[in-house]
Amino acid sequence: MMTEQRINALLEVERIDLIHNDLSSAAFHLKTRIDKALAPDGDMDGVGLDMMAGITMLAFTFEAYLNFIGDLKVQNWNERASGKEKREAVWNTLGLSWEPAARPASTILRLIKARDMMAHGKPVKVKKEWVAQGTDGELQNLLRAYQTEFDALITPEFFATAYDDVEAIWKEMLGAGNIQVHETFDKGMSGITFISAAE
């Protein structure tokens, strides 16, 4: 058996890892799982947890998109600024208009709210009373249908809307920044340059 010759060499690595690609891939993976679970013959086991994870990944994806565009286009970019400050800096630089009452901005704000509720994990205490009229079955249905603010955000409908709107806003930012899709991909190269045989 031949042994490999030992050498002295210069090793070089240059990489640009863009985390938004990994986060958006995770969100897409969860979307695929949720879509399968919600299909007529789908397995609903754990779909609520997948929606929580998916909404979290979408919120992270949106912030990573902001950081990518900001790093590329905003002078004196401050990655540590608040999400709102970063969004305003990107929107101002790109000349975009943020309309909080309309999609996709309204969806992004709800998405961030859901993420914050999960990230900060505070107890939610609800005490509510109201007068209603109906049969016993109708009144039972009203009680079962009651949702907390968090429950209302973690739904298949909201997840689907949020997924679509995060991707729409990404395309809008790329277009306004005149950024080609290939510029958003990870990049890297490496090499070994022979110097001499090792003694």
Protein backbone atom coordinates (compact mmCIF):
# COMPACT_ATOMS: atom_id res chain seq x y z
CA MET A 1 0.00 0.00 0.00
CA MET A 2 1.42 3.36 -1.05
CA THR A 3 1.43 6.16 1.46
CA GLU A 4 0.62 9.65 0.31
CA GLN A 5 3.49 12.09 0.24
CA ARG A 6 3.25 14.84 2.80
CA ILE A 7 3.58 18.34 1.37
CA ASN A 8 3.65 21.94 2.49
CA ALA A 9 0.82 23.87 0.86
CA LEU A 10 -1.07 27.12 1.00
CA LEU A 11 -4.76 26.46 1.73
CA GLU A 12 -7.25 29.15 0.71
CA VAL A 13 -10.98 29.42 1.35
CA GLU A 14 -13.23 32.26 0.36
CA ARG A 15 -16.96 31.97 1.12
CA ILE A 16 -20.01 34.13 1.33
CA ASP A 17 -22.79 32.30 3.18
CA LEU A 18 -26.15 34.01 2.83
CA ILE A 19 -28.39 32.64 5.58
CA HIS A 20 -31.57 33.86 3.89
CA ASN A 21 -31.23 30.93 1.47
CA ASP A 22 -31.24 28.39 4.32
CA LEU A 23 -34.09 30.09 6.13
CA SER A 24 -36.28 30.37 3.04
CA SER A 25 -35.52 26.70 2.26
CA ALA A 26 -36.62 25.73 5.78
CA ALA A 27 -39.84 27.75 5.36
CA PHE A 28 -40.48 26.05 2.01
CA HIS A 29 -39.86 22.61 3.56
CA LEU A 30 -42.38 23.37 6.30
CA LYS A 31 -44.86 24.71 3.72
CA THR A 32 -44.59 21.40 1.86
CA ARG A 33 -45.25 19.45 5.07
CA ILE A 34 -48.21 21.67 5.98
CA ASP A 35 -49.71 21.42 2.48
CA LYS A 36 -49.46 17.60 2.64
CA ALA A 37 -51.03 17.53 6.12
CA LEU A 38 -53.93 19.72 4.99
CA ALA A 39 -54.65 17.62 1.89
CA PRO A 40 -57.94 15.64 2.11
CA ASP A 41 -56.13 12.41 3.05
CA GLY A 42 -53.28 14.14 4.92
CA ASP A 43 -51.93 13.30 8.34
CA MET A 44 -52.74 16.28 10.58
CA ASP A 45 -50.54 15.02 13.42
CA GLY A 46 -48.26 17.90 14.44
CA VAL A 47 -49.46 20.34 11.78
CA GLY A 48 -49.97 23.07 14.40
CA LEU A 49 -46.34 22.71 15.46
CA ASP A 50 -45.23 22.82 11.82
CA MET A 51 -47.21 26.05 11.39
CA MET A 52 -45.52 27.57 14.47
CA ALA A 53 -42.11 26.58 13.09
CA GLY A 54 -43.05 27.79 9.60
CA ILE A 55 -44.20 31.18 10.84
CA THR A 56 -40.98 31.52 12.83
CA MET A 57 -38.89 30.63 9.76
CA LEU A 58 -40.81 33.12 7.62
CA ALA A 59 -40.19 35.91 10.16
CA PHE A 60 -36.49 34.99 10.27
CA THR A 61 -36.42 34.87 6.46
CA PHE A 62 -37.89 38.35 6.17
CA GLU A 63 -35.27 39.76 8.55
CA ALA A 64 -32.49 37.94 6.70
CA TYR A 65 -33.79 39.41 3.44
CA LEU A 66 -33.61 42.87 5.04
CA ASN A 67 -30.06 42.21 6.21
CA PHE A 68 -28.96 41.00 2.79
CA ILE A 69 -30.43 44.01 0.96
CA GLY A 70 -29.27 46.41 3.67
CA ASP A 71 -25.70 45.10 3.61
CA LEU A 72 -25.65 45.41 -0.17
CA LYS A 73 -27.45 48.72 -0.66
CA VAL A 74 -27.71 50.83 2.54
CA GLN A 75 -24.79 53.08 3.45
CA ASN A 76 -23.55 52.50 7.03
CA TRP A 77 -25.85 49.49 7.42
CA ASN A 78 -26.52 48.67 11.08
CA GLU A 79 -27.41 44.98 11.33
CA ARG A 80 -28.03 45.43 15.06
CA ALA A 81 -30.74 48.08 14.63
CA SER A 82 -34.34 47.17 15.40
CA GLY A 83 -36.36 45.41 12.74
CA LYS A 84 -38.41 48.53 12.13
CA GLU A 85 -35.30 50.72 11.75
CA LYS A 86 -33.76 48.24 9.32
CA ARG A 87 -36.95 48.03 7.28
CA GLU A 88 -37.21 51.83 7.12
CA ALA A 89 -33.56 52.13 6.03
CA VAL A 90 -34.04 49.55 3.26
CA TRP A 91 -37.35 51.02 2.10
CA ASN A 92 -35.95 54.55 2.05
CA THR A 93 -32.84 53.46 0.14
CA LEU A 94 -34.85 51.50 -2.42
CA GLY A 95 -37.53 54.18 -2.75
CA LEU A 96 -40.30 51.79 -1.74
CA SER A 97 -43.54 52.74 -0.03
CA TRP A 98 -44.54 50.83 3.13
CA GLU A 99 -48.34 50.62 3.40
CA PRO A 100 -49.04 49.03 6.81
CA ALA A 101 -52.78 48.66 6.18
CA ALA A 102 -52.34 46.71 2.93
CA ARG A 103 -50.75 43.44 1.93
CA PRO A 104 -47.94 42.51 1.93
CA ALA A 105 -46.93 44.99 4.66
CA SER A 106 -49.91 44.17 6.89
CA THR A 107 -49.04 40.48 6.67
CA ILE A 108 -45.39 41.15 7.55
CA LEU A 109 -46.48 43.10 10.65
CA ARG A 110 -48.72 40.22 11.77
CA LEU A 111 -45.90 37.77 11.07
CA ILE A 112 -43.49 39.75 13.23
CA LYS A 113 -46.12 39.95 15.98
CA ALA A 114 -46.54 36.15 15.93
CA ARG A 115 -42.77 35.66 16.02
CA ASP A 116 -42.44 38.07 18.94
CA MET A 117 -45.19 36.27 20.85
CA MET A 118 -43.29 32.99 20.46
CA ALA A 119 -39.83 34.49 21.03
CA HIS A 120 -40.76 36.29 24.23
CA GLY A 121 -43.04 33.53 25.57
CA LYS A 122 -45.15 35.54 27.99
CA PRO A 123 -48.21 33.99 29.63
CA VAL A 124 -51.48 35.15 28.09
CA LYS A 125 -54.31 35.49 30.58
CA VAL A 126 -57.78 35.94 29.19
CA LYS A 127 -60.99 36.56 31.04
CA LYS A 128 -63.91 37.39 28.84
CA GLU A 129 -67.65 37.39 29.34
CA TRP A 130 -70.38 38.05 26.83
CA VAL A 131 -74.07 37.46 26.44
CA ALA A 132 -75.09 35.21 23.58
CA GLN A 133 -78.28 33.52 22.49
CA GLY A 134 -78.67 30.08 20.95
CA THR A 135 -79.20 26.43 21.58
CA ASP A 136 -76.88 24.55 23.90
CA GLY A 137 -75.01 23.16 20.86
CA GLU A 138 -74.68 26.62 19.27
CA LEU A 139 -73.39 28.10 22.54
CA GLN A 140 -70.88 25.23 22.90
CA ASN A 141 -69.68 25.93 19.34
CA LEU A 142 -69.21 29.62 20.20
CA LEU A 143 -67.01 28.72 23.17
CA ARG A 144 -64.96 26.23 21.11
CA ALA A 145 -64.52 28.78 18.33
CA TYR A 146 -63.11 31.42 20.69
CA GLN A 147 -59.47 32.13 19.84
CA THR A 148 -56.73 34.00 21.61
CA GLU A 149 -54.74 36.49 19.54
CA PHE A 150 -52.00 33.88 19.17
CA ASP A 151 -54.46 31.20 18.02
CA ALA A 152 -55.74 33.56 15.33
CA LEU A 153 -52.20 34.00 13.97
CA ILE A 154 -51.26 30.32 13.85
CA THR A 155 -53.65 29.15 11.14
CA PRO A 156 -53.15 27.48 7.77
CA GLU A 157 -54.64 30.50 6.04
CA PHE A 158 -52.29 32.96 7.71
CA PHE A 159 -49.26 30.76 7.09
CA ALA A 160 -50.11 30.48 3.37
CA THR A 161 -50.65 34.25 3.09
CA ALA A 162 -47.45 35.00 5.01
CA TYR A 163 -45.43 32.64 2.80
CA ASP A 164 -46.74 34.29 -0.36
CA ASP A 165 -46.27 37.82 0.97
CA VAL A 166 -42.71 37.30 2.23
CA GLU A 167 -41.75 36.01 -1.21
CA ALA A 168 -43.62 38.88 -2.93
CA ILE A 169 -41.84 41.48 -0.82
CA TRP A 170 -38.48 39.79 -1.53
CA LYS A 171 -39.10 40.07 -5.27
CA GLU A 172 -40.15 43.70 -4.80
CA MET A 173 -36.92 44.48 -2.92
CA LEU A 174 -34.78 42.72 -5.52
CA GLY A 175 -36.50 44.60 -8.32
CA ALA A 176 -36.23 47.99 -6.61
CA GLY A 177 -32.56 47.32 -5.80
CA ASN A 178 -31.82 46.12 -9.33
CA ILE A 179 -30.44 42.89 -7.85
CA GLN A 180 -30.36 39.78 -10.01
CA VAL A 181 -31.42 36.49 -8.42
CA HIS A 182 -27.99 34.89 -9.00
CA GLU A 183 -26.49 37.64 -6.79
CA THR A 184 -28.49 36.26 -3.83
CA PHE A 185 -26.81 32.82 -3.95
CA ASP A 186 -24.05 31.62 -1.64
CA LYS A 187 -20.60 31.87 -3.18
CA GLY A 188 -17.30 30.25 -2.47
CA MET A 189 -14.08 28.79 -3.70
CA SER A 190 -11.15 26.98 -2.24
CA GLY A 191 -7.77 25.75 -3.36
CA ILE A 192 -4.53 24.06 -2.46
CA THR A 193 -1.29 25.52 -3.81
CA PHE A 194 1.74 23.27 -3.60
CA ILE A 195 4.75 24.90 -1.91
CA SER A 196 7.19 22.03 -1.39
CA ALA A 197 7.54 18.44 -0.37
CA ALA A 198 7.50 18.00 3.39
CA GLU A 199 10.52 16.48 5.07
